[in-house]
Amino acid sequence: MKSSLQIAAEASPRPIAQIAEALAIAEQFVEPYGRYRAKINLDLLDASHDRPRGKQILVTAMTPTPLGEGKTATTIGLSMALNRLGKRAICTLRQSSLGPVFGIKGGGSGGGYSQVIPLEDSLMHLTGDIHAVTQAHNQIAAMTDNSWYQKNPLGIDPEQIQIRRVLDVNDRFLRSITIGQGGAQHGIPRQTGFDITAASELMAILALVSGETHAAVMRDLRQRIGRMVVGFDRQGQPITADDIRAAGAATVILRNAIHPTLMQTIENTPVLMHGGPFANIAHGNASVVADQVGLRIADYVVTEAGFAMDMGGEKFFDIKCRAFDAKPAVVVLVATIRALKAHSGRWNIKPGRPLPADLLQENPDAVYAGGANLQKHIRNAQLFGLPVVVALNAFPDDHPSEIEAVQEIAMSAGAFDVAVSTVFSQGGAGGEALAEKVLAAIEQAGQAKFLYELEQPLTAKIASIATKIYGAAEVSYSPEASEQLAKLEANGFGNLPICMAKTHLSISHDPALKGAPSDYTFPIREVRASIGAGFIYPIAGDMMTMPGLSAHPAAENIDIDEHGQTIGLF
């Protein structure tokens, strides 16, 4: 099969104005970025206020291997399949971070015959939103240090400055640094570090702002940025971006980034790409405003939550659905036979290395052995009150006996149905069976609900996630984490939801624990506050907010050929 980049190069994208016209988006709301991309001005919210809302479909997954299991391709393929069945459907996706694009995992634009096009545009900068977030975040960080440097009128405690710098790159050398060296005119030395831009609180804010009108969205953006806690004073009182007078400038920097970007799939189905928070170190969902726009212009909006049901899936319900009046109708859970085999614990799969050859041999016993992971994720999804359709993302080397095993595993856990999906190799046609079963599941009455109540103490909410979703027996806290939680409660932040930062390679905190771990202790080593975004951010185990590069990152293979065309990009 051709590479995704070759397939994309042979596709026939339509001018973006035609994609917008097919959705009845008036020309004044379309702001082109070249021929095949456009920002959708949020004035559209004002003009479409009375339109009936579409139905929302959440796509999540079982715990993936380091290679990913095709969740984005399934999201795209399902939206194309719904259109093939005569429905007006779109999908909403996050913007790709350049860290993973040049690292190991790759981009978030699908692949094969189920991808966003033009592929290079979707992966490289798009319309510059991530760079705008980087600039706005670092502007706030600079003004925080400057307030401390300029006679410190707010009494900032340098040991309690919370905001770090960000860059859209995987670079372990920036995790811990000393700034302000070189003498008094260059600042005051202190220890700090960088996070990847996807972990910036501003990225989370961009993806969570909401409003029924353009002006309301902008007000929410400004207010959320103003509430960002950048540090504490020596009495332990929080200091915000408003206190250092940095929120206004940051809002202006993001004035264009707040508009979602319209693109298209390889079959010309509309895509709204907006926001880029990772699911392992943030909440891992496309923006609320992209969904709000989509629900006003389409009958079905297929949206993806990052990584597995325990990661972006749980955060979709407990964080994103609290940010606006969301009424999701069904959960699609992506599984692969290779992931099920991996969760048997019989193979050692490492990031950046090919899959073991014998993992691809027919072995239904290994599928059954890893079935606990899929079953746990199905039951996790059911905790939120909606029917679950399992999408088996099929590969050419899958065997009928293994497919039968997946169907038995899923149905025994209470899945509404199971569909074999071949969208990677066949595009929308390979997702029609899945689309039909999703439509059938939507007809089953379901009412989305939350895992916990916001009024519960922070430790109780953390325990709910750790025990009910992750299967832990208890939660342990480092002395630092306990002190941070007490301070957050004392400052009135105890009523916020939880956004857990942990590995995506296990339901637990430990990537080595495969399957469905249980009866273990879930450790919290640090707790951060994203008050502007509106959540508390515990960090479990060895989770890093600035990824590193592998020995041979993808960037080594990316180049241009003698004709100036990109090569080596998936």
Protein backbone atom coordinates (compact mmCIF):
# COMPACT_ATOMS: atom_id res chain seq x y z
CA MET A 1 0.00 0.00 0.00
CA LYS A 2 1.20 3.52 -0.75
CA SER A 3 2.35 5.78 2.06
CA SER A 4 -0.13 8.23 3.55
CA LEU A 5 1.84 11.10 2.03
CA GLN A 6 1.68 9.50 -1.45
CA ILE A 7 -2.06 8.93 -1.10
CA ALA A 8 -2.56 12.52 0.02
CA ALA A 9 -0.53 13.81 -2.93
CA GLU A 10 -2.83 11.96 -5.35
CA ALA A 11 -6.05 13.20 -3.74
CA SER A 12 -8.30 15.85 -5.25
CA PRO A 13 -9.03 18.51 -2.62
CA ARG A 14 -11.78 20.99 -3.37
CA PRO A 15 -11.33 24.72 -2.85
CA ILE A 16 -12.18 25.41 0.76
CA ALA A 17 -14.96 27.79 -0.30
CA GLN A 18 -16.78 24.80 -1.82
CA ILE A 19 -16.45 22.82 1.41
CA ALA A 20 -17.92 25.76 3.35
CA GLU A 21 -20.69 26.22 0.79
CA ALA A 22 -21.72 22.56 1.13
CA LEU A 23 -22.31 23.26 4.83
CA ALA A 24 -24.30 26.42 4.04
CA ILE A 25 -21.65 28.58 5.71
CA ALA A 26 -22.04 32.09 4.32
CA GLU A 27 -19.02 33.63 2.65
CA GLN A 28 -18.59 36.37 5.27
CA PHE A 29 -17.75 33.74 7.90
CA VAL A 30 -15.00 32.10 5.83
CA GLU A 31 -11.49 33.56 6.16
CA PRO A 32 -9.23 31.69 3.67
CA TYR A 33 -5.66 30.71 4.48
CA GLY A 34 -4.59 29.78 0.99
CA ARG A 35 -6.68 27.53 -1.25
CA TYR A 36 -7.51 24.62 1.05
CA ARG A 37 -7.70 26.06 4.58
CA ALA A 38 -9.91 28.65 6.19
CA LYS A 39 -10.67 30.07 9.60
CA ILE A 40 -14.38 30.03 10.45
CA ASN A 41 -15.21 33.35 12.06
CA LEU A 42 -17.22 32.86 15.24
CA ASP A 43 -19.75 35.44 14.09
CA LEU A 44 -21.27 32.27 12.63
CA LEU A 45 -22.44 31.43 16.18
CA ASP A 46 -24.51 34.62 16.25
CA ALA A 47 -26.02 33.96 12.83
CA SER A 48 -26.87 30.30 13.50
CA HIS A 49 -28.21 30.64 17.02
CA ASP A 50 -31.64 29.23 16.14
CA ARG A 51 -30.47 26.24 14.12
CA PRO A 52 -31.25 22.78 15.55
CA ARG A 53 -28.22 21.12 17.16
CA GLY A 54 -26.70 18.02 15.64
CA LYS A 55 -25.79 14.81 17.47
CA GLN A 56 -22.32 14.30 18.89
CA ILE A 57 -20.38 11.04 18.54
CA LEU A 58 -17.30 10.47 20.74
CA VAL A 59 -14.46 8.32 19.40
CA THR A 60 -11.97 6.99 21.94
CA ALA A 61 -9.98 3.75 22.27
CA MET A 62 -8.51 0.94 24.31
CA THR A 63 -5.00 1.45 25.68
CA PRO A 64 -2.78 1.80 22.59
CA THR A 65 0.60 0.43 21.68
CA PRO A 66 3.30 3.10 21.13
CA LEU A 67 2.33 3.06 17.44
CA GLY A 68 -1.26 4.19 18.05
CA GLU A 69 -4.33 2.21 17.00
CA GLY A 70 -5.93 4.36 14.30
CA LYS A 71 -8.34 6.37 16.41
CA THR A 72 -7.99 9.51 14.28
CA ALA A 73 -8.35 7.49 11.07
CA THR A 74 -11.50 5.91 12.53
CA THR A 75 -12.90 9.35 13.45
CA ILE A 76 -12.30 10.62 9.93
CA GLY A 77 -13.49 7.41 8.28
CA LEU A 78 -16.69 7.34 10.33
CA SER A 79 -17.54 10.91 9.33
CA MET A 80 -16.96 10.01 5.66
CA ALA A 81 -19.06 6.87 6.01
CA LEU A 82 -21.96 8.80 7.53
CA ASN A 83 -21.89 11.13 4.54
CA ARG A 84 -21.90 8.15 2.21
CA LEU A 85 -25.07 7.02 3.99
CA GLY A 86 -26.72 10.34 3.19
CA LYS A 87 -26.11 12.09 6.52
CA ARG A 88 -24.61 15.55 6.89
CA ALA A 89 -21.56 14.79 9.04
CA ILE A 90 -18.29 16.47 9.94
CA CYS A 91 -15.48 15.63 12.34
CA THR A 92 -13.62 17.78 14.85
CA LEU A 93 -9.95 17.10 15.51
CA ARG A 94 -7.08 18.64 17.41
CA GLN A 95 -4.24 20.38 15.62
CA SER A 96 -1.06 18.32 15.44
CA SER A 97 1.84 19.30 17.66
CA LEU A 98 5.21 19.37 15.93
CA GLY A 99 6.73 17.53 18.89
CA PRO A 100 5.12 14.18 18.02
CA VAL A 101 5.30 14.88 14.27
CA PHE A 102 9.10 15.03 14.50
CA GLY A 103 9.28 12.50 17.35
CA ILE A 104 7.78 8.99 17.34
CA LYS A 105 4.01 9.02 17.39
CA GLY A 106 3.42 11.14 14.31
CA GLY A 107 0.66 13.60 13.58
CA GLY A 108 -3.04 13.68 14.30
CA SER A 109 -4.42 13.76 10.75
CA GLY A 110 -5.27 10.12 10.19
CA GLY A 111 -3.67 8.03 7.48
CA GLY A 112 -4.11 5.93 4.39
CA TYR A 113 -7.48 6.60 2.75
CA SER A 114 -8.85 8.14 5.93
CA GLN A 115 -6.92 11.35 6.44
CA VAL A 116 -7.10 15.12 6.38
CA ILE A 117 -5.76 16.83 3.27
CA PRO A 118 -3.57 18.57 2.35
CA LEU A 119 -1.61 16.40 4.78
CA GLU A 120 1.45 18.64 5.03
CA ASP A 121 -0.67 21.71 5.74
CA SER A 122 -2.58 19.88 8.46
CA LEU A 123 0.63 18.78 10.19
CA MET A 124 2.95 21.76 9.69
CA HIS A 125 1.72 24.90 11.46
CA LEU A 126 -1.84 24.72 10.01
CA THR A 127 -2.95 28.33 10.59
CA GLY A 128 -0.46 29.11 13.34
CA ASP A 129 -2.61 28.56 16.43
CA ILE A 130 0.04 26.61 18.35
CA HIS A 131 2.58 29.33 17.71
CA ALA A 132 0.10 31.93 18.93
CA VAL A 133 -0.40 29.93 22.13
CA THR A 134 3.38 29.70 22.55
CA GLN A 135 3.79 33.45 22.14
CA ALA A 136 0.90 34.35 24.45
CA HIS A 137 2.06 31.93 27.14
CA ASN A 138 5.66 33.14 27.08
CA GLN A 139 4.47 36.75 27.14
CA ILE A 140 2.70 36.02 30.43
CA ALA A 141 5.78 34.20 31.77
CA ALA A 142 8.03 37.14 30.84
CA MET A 143 5.69 39.62 32.52
CA THR A 144 5.57 37.45 35.65
CA ASP A 145 9.35 37.52 36.00
CA ASN A 146 9.42 41.19 35.10
CA SER A 147 6.98 42.04 37.88
CA TRP A 148 9.26 40.25 40.32
CA TYR A 149 12.33 41.98 38.86
CA GLN A 150 10.78 45.48 38.85
CA LYS A 151 10.77 45.97 42.65
CA ASN A 152 8.20 43.19 43.09
CA PRO A 153 5.11 45.32 43.90
CA LEU A 154 2.91 42.22 44.24
CA GLY A 155 5.25 40.46 46.63
CA ILE A 156 5.77 37.47 44.33
CA ASP A 157 7.58 34.60 46.04
CA PRO A 158 10.16 33.44 43.45
CA GLU A 159 10.08 29.95 44.94
CA GLN A 160 6.37 29.76 44.12
CA ILE A 161 6.26 31.07 40.54
CA GLN A 162 4.06 28.50 38.81
CA ILE A 163 4.27 29.44 35.14
CA ARG A 164 7.04 27.90 33.05
CA ARG A 165 7.96 28.67 29.44
CA VAL A 166 6.68 26.52 26.54
CA LEU A 167 7.84 25.46 23.08
CA ASP A 168 6.28 23.16 20.48
CA VAL A 169 9.17 20.72 20.45
CA ASN A 170 10.31 17.52 22.15
CA ASP A 171 13.42 18.60 24.07
CA ARG A 172 14.38 16.94 27.36
CA PHE A 173 17.26 19.43 27.81
CA LEU A 174 14.73 22.18 28.58
CA ARG A 175 12.90 20.34 31.35
CA SER A 176 14.95 21.95 34.11
CA ILE A 177 16.97 25.13 33.55
CA THR A 178 18.30 28.20 35.34
CA ILE A 179 17.24 31.59 34.00
CA GLY A 180 18.40 35.12 34.80
CA GLN A 181 22.12 34.43 34.68
CA GLY A 182 24.70 36.98 33.51
CA GLY A 183 24.42 39.75 36.08
CA ALA A 184 21.77 42.05 37.52
CA GLN A 185 20.74 43.71 34.26
CA HIS A 186 19.88 40.31 32.79
CA GLY A 187 17.49 39.27 35.55
CA ILE A 188 17.66 37.32 38.79
CA PRO A 189 18.68 33.65 38.66
CA ARG A 190 16.05 31.05 39.52
CA GLN A 191 15.25 27.47 38.64
CA THR A 192 12.46 26.81 36.15
CA GLY A 193 11.91 24.87 32.92
CA PHE A 194 9.95 24.41 29.73
CA ASP A 195 6.85 22.38 28.93
CA ILE A 196 5.68 21.45 25.45
CA THR A 197 3.10 23.95 24.18
CA ALA A 198 0.37 21.31 24.19
CA ALA A 199 0.74 21.27 28.00
CA SER A 200 0.32 25.05 28.29
CA GLU A 201 -2.66 26.18 30.31
CA LEU A 202 -3.42 28.56 27.44
CA MET A 203 -3.79 25.56 25.11
CA ALA A 204 -6.30 24.07 27.52
CA ILE A 205 -8.09 27.42 27.74
CA LEU A 206 -8.23 27.73 23.94
CA ALA A 207 -9.86 24.31 23.80
CA LEU A 208 -12.37 24.97 26.61
CA VAL A 209 -13.68 28.50 26.03
CA SER A 210 -17.33 28.60 25.06
CA GLY A 211 -20.18 30.99 24.40
CA GLU A 212 -23.39 31.31 22.42
CA THR A 213 -22.01 34.32 20.52
CA HIS A 214 -18.64 35.50 19.24
CA ALA A 215 -18.51 38.23 21.87
CA ALA A 216 -19.36 35.75 24.63
CA VAL A 217 -16.52 33.47 23.52
CA MET A 218 -14.07 36.38 23.59
CA ARG A 219 -15.25 37.41 27.06
CA ASP A 220 -14.81 33.84 28.31
CA LEU A 221 -11.32 33.72 26.78
CA ARG A 222 -10.32 37.00 28.43
CA GLN A 223 -11.74 36.00 31.81
CA ARG A 224 -10.11 32.57 31.79
CA ILE A 225 -6.70 34.01 30.91
CA GLY A 226 -7.11 36.61 33.64
CA ARG A 227 -7.76 33.84 36.20
CA MET A 228 -4.53 31.98 35.39
CA VAL A 229 -2.49 31.58 38.56
CA VAL A 230 1.10 32.48 37.65
CA GLY A 231 2.47 32.25 41.19
CA PHE A 232 1.90 32.93 44.87
CA ASP A 233 3.01 35.70 47.18
CA ARG A 234 4.92 35.15 50.42
CA GLN A 235 1.64 34.81 52.34
CA GLY A 236 0.56 32.00 50.03
CA GLN A 237 -2.06 34.02 48.17
CA PRO A 238 -2.45 33.37 44.43
CA ILE A 239 -1.23 35.91 41.89
CA THR A 240 -3.03 35.89 38.55
CA ALA A 241 -2.35 36.99 35.00
CA ASP A 242 -4.75 39.86 35.68
CA ASP A 243 -2.70 40.87 38.73
CA ILE A 244 0.45 41.27 36.62
CA ARG A 245 -1.61 42.95 33.85
CA ALA A 246 -0.65 40.36 31.24
CA ALA A 247 -4.04 38.86 30.38
CA GLY A 248 -5.13 41.56 27.92
CA ALA A 249 -2.08 41.24 25.70
CA ALA A 250 -2.30 37.45 25.72
CA THR A 251 -5.96 37.63 24.67
CA VAL A 252 -5.10 39.92 21.76
CA ILE A 253 -2.37 37.52 20.63
CA LEU A 254 -5.00 34.76 20.54
CA ARG A 255 -7.72 36.81 18.81
CA ASN A 256 -7.39 34.88 15.53
CA ALA A 257 -6.41 31.56 17.11
CA ILE A 258 -9.83 31.35 18.75
CA HIS A 259 -11.45 30.66 15.35
CA PRO A 260 -11.47 26.97 14.29
CA THR A 261 -9.83 25.95 11.02
CA LEU A 262 -11.89 24.30 8.28
CA MET A 263 -10.23 21.59 6.20
CA GLN A 264 -11.42 18.44 4.43
CA THR A 265 -10.87 14.71 4.34
CA ILE A 266 -9.60 12.76 1.39
CA GLU A 267 -13.28 12.30 0.37
CA ASN A 268 -14.00 16.02 0.84
CA THR A 269 -15.90 15.60 4.11
CA PRO A 270 -15.52 18.78 6.21
CA VAL A 271 -13.13 18.80 9.18
CA LEU A 272 -12.80 21.41 11.90
CA MET A 273 -9.30 21.35 13.42
CA HIS A 274 -8.83 23.38 16.56
CA GLY A 275 -6.95 23.14 19.83
CA GLY A 276 -4.13 20.77 20.61
CA PRO A 277 -4.01 19.66 24.27
CA PHE A 278 -2.42 16.23 24.75
CA ALA A 279 -4.53 13.69 26.64
CA ASN A 280 -1.72 12.39 28.83
CA ILE A 281 -0.67 15.82 30.14
CA ALA A 282 -3.83 17.86 29.47
CA HIS A 283 -7.48 17.11 28.64
CA GLY A 284 -6.89 15.80 25.11
CA ASN A 285 -9.91 17.00 23.12
CA ALA A 286 -10.62 19.29 20.18
CA SER A 287 -11.99 22.68 21.13
CA VAL A 288 -15.44 23.35 22.51
CA VAL A 289 -15.99 26.10 19.94
CA ALA A 290 -15.21 23.68 17.08
CA ASP A 291 -17.89 21.36 18.44
CA GLN A 292 -20.29 24.27 18.95
CA VAL A 293 -19.83 25.39 15.34
CA GLY A 294 -20.06 21.82 14.08
CA LEU A 295 -23.26 21.07 15.98
CA ARG A 296 -24.89 24.10 14.33
CA ILE A 297 -23.90 23.29 10.74
CA ALA A 298 -24.10 19.47 10.65
CA ASP A 299 -26.46 16.70 11.72
CA TYR A 300 -23.62 14.58 13.17
CA VAL A 301 -20.32 15.70 14.68
CA VAL A 302 -17.72 12.96 15.16
CA THR A 303 -15.12 14.10 17.67
CA GLU A 304 -12.00 12.37 18.90
CA ALA A 305 -10.70 12.17 22.46
CA GLY A 306 -6.97 11.55 22.77
CA PHE A 307 -5.47 8.17 23.63
CA ALA A 308 -7.78 5.78 25.52
CA MET A 309 -11.07 5.94 27.41
CA ASP A 310 -9.20 6.38 30.69
CA MET A 311 -7.43 9.45 29.28
CA GLY A 312 -9.18 11.73 26.77
CA GLY A 313 -12.43 9.80 27.10
CA GLU A 314 -12.87 10.40 30.83
CA LYS A 315 -11.75 14.02 30.42
CA PHE A 316 -14.23 14.54 27.58
CA PHE A 317 -17.07 13.88 30.00
CA ASP A 318 -15.74 15.27 33.27
CA ILE A 319 -14.02 18.37 31.85
CA LYS A 320 -15.14 19.20 28.30
CA CYS A 321 -18.84 18.38 28.74
CA ARG A 322 -18.90 20.64 31.78
CA ALA A 323 -17.61 23.54 29.69
CA PHE A 324 -20.72 23.73 27.48
CA ASP A 325 -24.13 22.16 27.09
CA ALA A 326 -22.86 19.00 25.43
CA LYS A 327 -25.18 16.05 24.89
CA PRO A 328 -23.07 13.24 23.39
CA ALA A 329 -25.10 10.34 22.04
CA VAL A 330 -22.74 7.37 21.73
CA VAL A 331 -19.16 6.24 22.43
CA VAL A 332 -17.12 4.54 19.69
CA LEU A 333 -14.24 2.57 21.19
CA VAL A 334 -11.40 1.74 18.79
CA ALA A 335 -9.57 -1.56 19.27
CA THR A 336 -6.94 -3.46 17.32
CA ILE A 337 -5.87 -7.07 17.48
CA ARG A 338 -2.23 -6.03 17.89
CA ALA A 339 -3.12 -3.91 20.93
CA LEU A 340 -5.10 -6.75 22.47
CA LYS A 341 -2.16 -9.10 21.95
CA ALA A 342 0.18 -6.52 23.44
CA HIS A 343 -1.95 -6.40 26.59
CA SER A 344 -1.50 -10.13 27.06
CA GLY A 345 1.94 -9.20 28.41
CA ARG A 346 3.65 -11.74 26.16
CA TRP A 347 5.56 -9.19 24.08
CA ASN A 348 7.83 -6.27 24.90
CA ILE A 349 6.82 -3.44 22.57
CA LYS A 350 9.05 -0.37 22.71
CA PRO A 351 8.51 3.12 21.26
CA GLY A 352 10.39 3.70 18.01
CA ARG A 353 10.92 0.01 17.29
CA PRO A 354 9.04 -2.29 14.89
CA LEU A 355 6.47 -4.72 16.28
CA PRO A 356 7.81 -8.22 17.04
CA ALA A 357 7.27 -10.45 14.02
CA ASP A 358 5.54 -13.23 15.97
CA LEU A 359 2.97 -10.78 17.35
CA LEU A 360 1.50 -10.70 13.83
CA GLN A 361 1.03 -14.47 13.64
CA GLU A 362 -2.45 -15.98 14.14
CA ASN A 363 -2.98 -16.33 17.87
CA PRO A 364 -6.54 -15.94 19.19
CA ASP A 365 -5.40 -17.14 22.63
CA ALA A 366 -3.23 -14.02 22.94
CA VAL A 367 -6.20 -11.87 21.93
CA TYR A 368 -8.30 -13.41 24.70
CA ALA A 369 -5.39 -12.99 27.13
CA GLY A 370 -5.32 -9.25 26.45
CA GLY A 371 -9.08 -8.88 26.37
CA ALA A 372 -9.31 -7.50 29.91
CA ASN A 373 -8.01 -4.14 28.69
CA LEU A 374 -10.76 -3.76 26.10
CA GLN A 375 -13.41 -4.91 28.55
CA LYS A 376 -12.23 -2.43 31.18
CA HIS A 377 -12.49 0.44 28.71
CA ILE A 378 -15.98 -0.63 27.62
CA ARG A 379 -17.08 -0.66 31.25
CA ASN A 380 -15.36 2.67 31.85
CA ALA A 381 -17.36 4.19 28.98
CA GLN A 382 -20.57 2.71 30.34
CA LEU A 383 -19.98 4.59 33.62
CA PHE A 384 -20.89 7.74 31.69
CA GLY A 385 -24.32 6.46 30.66
CA LEU A 386 -23.99 5.98 26.89
CA PRO A 387 -24.05 2.95 24.56
CA VAL A 388 -20.66 1.72 23.36
CA VAL A 389 -19.87 0.54 19.83
CA VAL A 390 -16.50 -1.17 19.40
CA ALA A 391 -14.72 -0.36 16.14
CA LEU A 392 -12.17 -3.04 15.33
CA ASN A 393 -9.61 -1.22 13.21
CA ALA A 394 -8.63 -4.09 10.96
CA PHE A 395 -5.19 -4.75 9.50
CA PRO A 396 -4.45 -7.00 6.49
CA ASP A 397 -2.68 -9.56 8.69
CA ASP A 398 -5.62 -9.97 11.10
CA HIS A 399 -7.13 -13.47 11.09
CA PRO A 400 -10.83 -14.47 11.23
CA SER A 401 -10.31 -16.40 14.46
CA GLU A 402 -8.84 -13.29 16.08
CA ILE A 403 -11.65 -11.05 14.84
CA GLU A 404 -14.16 -13.52 16.30
CA ALA A 405 -12.30 -13.34 19.61
CA VAL A 406 -12.58 -9.54 19.68
CA GLN A 407 -16.30 -9.71 19.01
CA GLU A 408 -16.82 -12.18 21.84
CA ILE A 409 -14.68 -10.14 24.26
CA ALA A 410 -16.52 -6.91 23.49
CA MET A 411 -20.05 -8.29 23.59
CA SER A 412 -19.42 -10.13 26.86
CA ALA A 413 -18.47 -6.76 28.41
CA GLY A 414 -21.78 -5.21 27.38
CA ALA A 415 -20.89 -3.41 24.15
CA PHE A 416 -23.90 -2.39 22.07
CA ASP A 417 -22.26 -3.86 18.97
CA VAL A 418 -18.93 -4.51 17.22
CA ALA A 419 -18.00 -3.46 13.69
CA VAL A 420 -14.93 -4.30 11.64
CA SER A 421 -13.56 -1.07 10.17
CA THR A 422 -11.26 -0.87 7.14
CA VAL A 423 -11.23 2.90 6.71
CA PHE A 424 -7.43 3.06 6.48
CA SER A 425 -7.35 0.96 3.31
CA GLN A 426 -10.84 1.66 1.92
CA GLY A 427 -11.82 5.11 3.16
CA GLY A 428 -15.45 5.85 3.93
CA ALA A 429 -16.64 2.65 2.25
CA GLY A 430 -14.70 0.69 4.87
CA GLY A 431 -16.61 2.44 7.64
CA GLU A 432 -20.19 2.02 6.46
CA ALA A 433 -20.89 -1.01 8.67
CA LEU A 434 -19.55 0.95 11.64
CA ALA A 435 -21.66 3.98 10.72
CA GLU A 436 -24.83 1.89 10.52
CA LYS A 437 -24.21 0.42 13.96
CA VAL A 438 -23.42 3.84 15.41
CA LEU A 439 -26.70 5.20 14.03
CA ALA A 440 -28.53 2.25 15.58
CA ALA A 441 -26.85 2.89 18.94
CA ILE A 442 -27.87 6.56 18.85
CA GLU A 443 -31.49 5.43 18.77
CA GLN A 444 -30.94 3.64 22.09
CA ALA A 445 -31.88 6.01 24.88
CA GLY A 446 -28.87 7.19 26.86
CA GLN A 447 -28.18 10.12 29.13
CA ALA A 448 -24.58 11.24 29.56
CA LYS A 449 -23.45 11.73 33.16
CA PHE A 450 -20.34 12.60 35.14
CA LEU A 451 -18.08 10.36 37.22
CA TYR A 452 -18.04 12.66 40.27
CA GLU A 453 -19.62 15.82 41.62
CA LEU A 454 -17.63 19.04 41.66
CA GLU A 455 -18.56 19.71 45.29
CA GLN A 456 -16.52 16.69 46.44
CA PRO A 457 -13.05 17.35 47.95
CA LEU A 458 -10.14 17.18 45.50
CA THR A 459 -8.84 13.95 47.05
CA ALA A 460 -12.26 12.33 46.67
CA LYS A 461 -12.42 13.26 42.99
CA ILE A 462 -8.91 11.96 42.43
CA ALA A 463 -9.85 8.73 44.21
CA SER A 464 -12.97 8.33 42.03
CA ILE A 465 -10.88 8.44 38.86
CA ALA A 466 -8.09 6.24 40.25
CA THR A 467 -10.34 3.53 41.65
CA LYS A 468 -13.28 3.50 39.22
CA ILE A 469 -11.42 4.21 35.95
CA TYR A 470 -7.85 3.06 36.61
CA GLY A 471 -8.67 0.09 38.87
CA ALA A 472 -6.40 1.22 41.73
CA ALA A 473 -7.09 0.18 45.30
CA GLU A 474 -5.91 3.47 46.78
CA VAL A 475 -4.09 6.73 46.05
CA SER A 476 -0.84 7.87 47.66
CA TYR A 477 0.47 11.43 47.76
CA SER A 478 3.98 12.77 48.05
CA PRO A 479 4.43 15.34 50.86
CA GLU A 480 4.69 18.02 48.18
CA ALA A 481 1.44 16.92 46.53
CA SER A 482 -0.40 16.86 49.87
CA GLU A 483 0.79 20.38 50.63
CA GLN A 484 -0.23 21.60 47.18
CA LEU A 485 -3.72 20.09 47.50
CA ALA A 486 -4.21 21.71 50.91
CA LYS A 487 -3.18 25.09 49.50
CA LEU A 488 -5.55 24.75 46.54
CA GLU A 489 -8.46 23.90 48.83
CA ALA A 490 -7.58 26.82 51.13
CA ASN A 491 -7.56 29.24 48.19
CA GLY A 492 -11.05 28.20 47.08
CA PHE A 493 -10.12 26.00 44.12
CA GLY A 494 -11.48 22.75 45.50
CA ASN A 495 -14.62 22.74 43.33
CA LEU A 496 -12.76 22.24 40.03
CA PRO A 497 -12.64 19.00 38.02
CA ILE A 498 -9.52 16.82 37.83
CA CYS A 499 -7.24 16.52 34.78
CA MET A 500 -4.89 13.65 35.52
CA ALA A 501 -1.44 13.60 33.90
CA LYS A 502 -0.24 10.03 33.51
CA THR A 503 1.13 7.57 30.97
CA HIS A 504 -1.07 6.67 28.02
CA LEU A 505 0.50 3.21 27.67
CA SER A 506 -1.32 1.69 30.62
CA ILE A 507 -4.62 2.20 32.42
CA SER A 508 -2.41 2.68 35.48
CA HIS A 509 0.45 5.15 36.12
CA ASP A 510 3.05 2.55 35.10
CA PRO A 511 3.53 1.85 31.36
CA ALA A 512 4.78 -1.65 32.21
CA LEU A 513 1.40 -2.68 33.69
CA LYS A 514 -0.59 -4.11 30.79
CA GLY A 515 -4.13 -5.43 30.56
CA ALA A 516 -6.42 -4.16 33.32
CA PRO A 517 -4.30 -3.64 36.46
CA SER A 518 -6.08 -3.73 39.80
CA ASP A 519 -5.41 -3.57 43.54
CA TYR A 520 -2.38 -1.30 43.25
CA THR A 521 -1.50 2.10 44.69
CA PHE A 522 -1.82 5.06 42.36
CA PRO A 523 0.90 7.64 43.24
CA ILE A 524 0.51 11.43 42.91
CA ARG A 525 3.89 13.16 43.02
CA GLU A 526 2.86 16.74 42.20
CA VAL A 527 -0.30 18.82 41.78
CA ARG A 528 -0.56 21.90 39.56
CA ALA A 529 -3.45 24.30 39.17
CA SER A 530 -4.90 25.38 35.81
CA ILE A 531 -7.40 27.84 37.24
CA GLY A 532 -8.00 29.65 33.96
CA ALA A 533 -8.66 26.41 32.14
CA GLY A 534 -10.77 25.37 35.09
CA PHE A 535 -9.18 22.17 36.36
CA ILE A 536 -6.67 20.76 38.85
CA TYR A 537 -3.76 18.93 37.32
CA PRO A 538 -2.28 16.03 39.39
CA ILE A 539 0.83 14.38 37.96
CA ALA A 540 1.18 10.63 38.50
CA GLY A 541 4.32 8.56 38.47
CA ASP A 542 7.14 9.66 36.16
CA MET A 543 4.95 11.57 33.68
CA MET A 544 6.86 14.38 31.94
CA THR A 545 5.28 17.59 30.62
CA MET A 546 8.17 18.07 28.17
CA PRO A 547 8.73 14.94 26.05
CA GLY A 548 12.15 13.92 24.77
CA LEU A 549 13.34 12.63 21.41
CA SER A 550 14.17 8.97 20.81
CA ALA A 551 17.49 7.71 19.48
CA HIS A 552 16.10 7.92 15.94
CA PRO A 553 13.19 10.40 15.80
CA ALA A 554 10.94 10.74 12.77
CA ALA A 555 12.60 14.05 11.95
CA GLU A 556 15.65 12.15 10.68
CA ASN A 557 13.61 10.81 7.75
CA ILE A 558 11.77 14.00 6.78
CA ASP A 559 13.22 15.98 3.88
CA ILE A 560 12.48 17.29 0.40
CA ASP A 561 13.33 15.60 -2.88
CA GLU A 562 14.93 17.09 -5.98
CA HIS A 563 11.57 18.54 -7.00
CA GLY A 564 11.05 20.29 -3.68
CA GLN A 565 8.36 17.83 -2.56
CA THR A 566 8.18 16.56 1.01
CA ILE A 567 9.31 12.98 1.63
CA GLY A 568 9.49 10.78 4.71
CA LEU A 569 6.37 12.24 6.34
CA PHE A 570 4.31 9.10 7.11
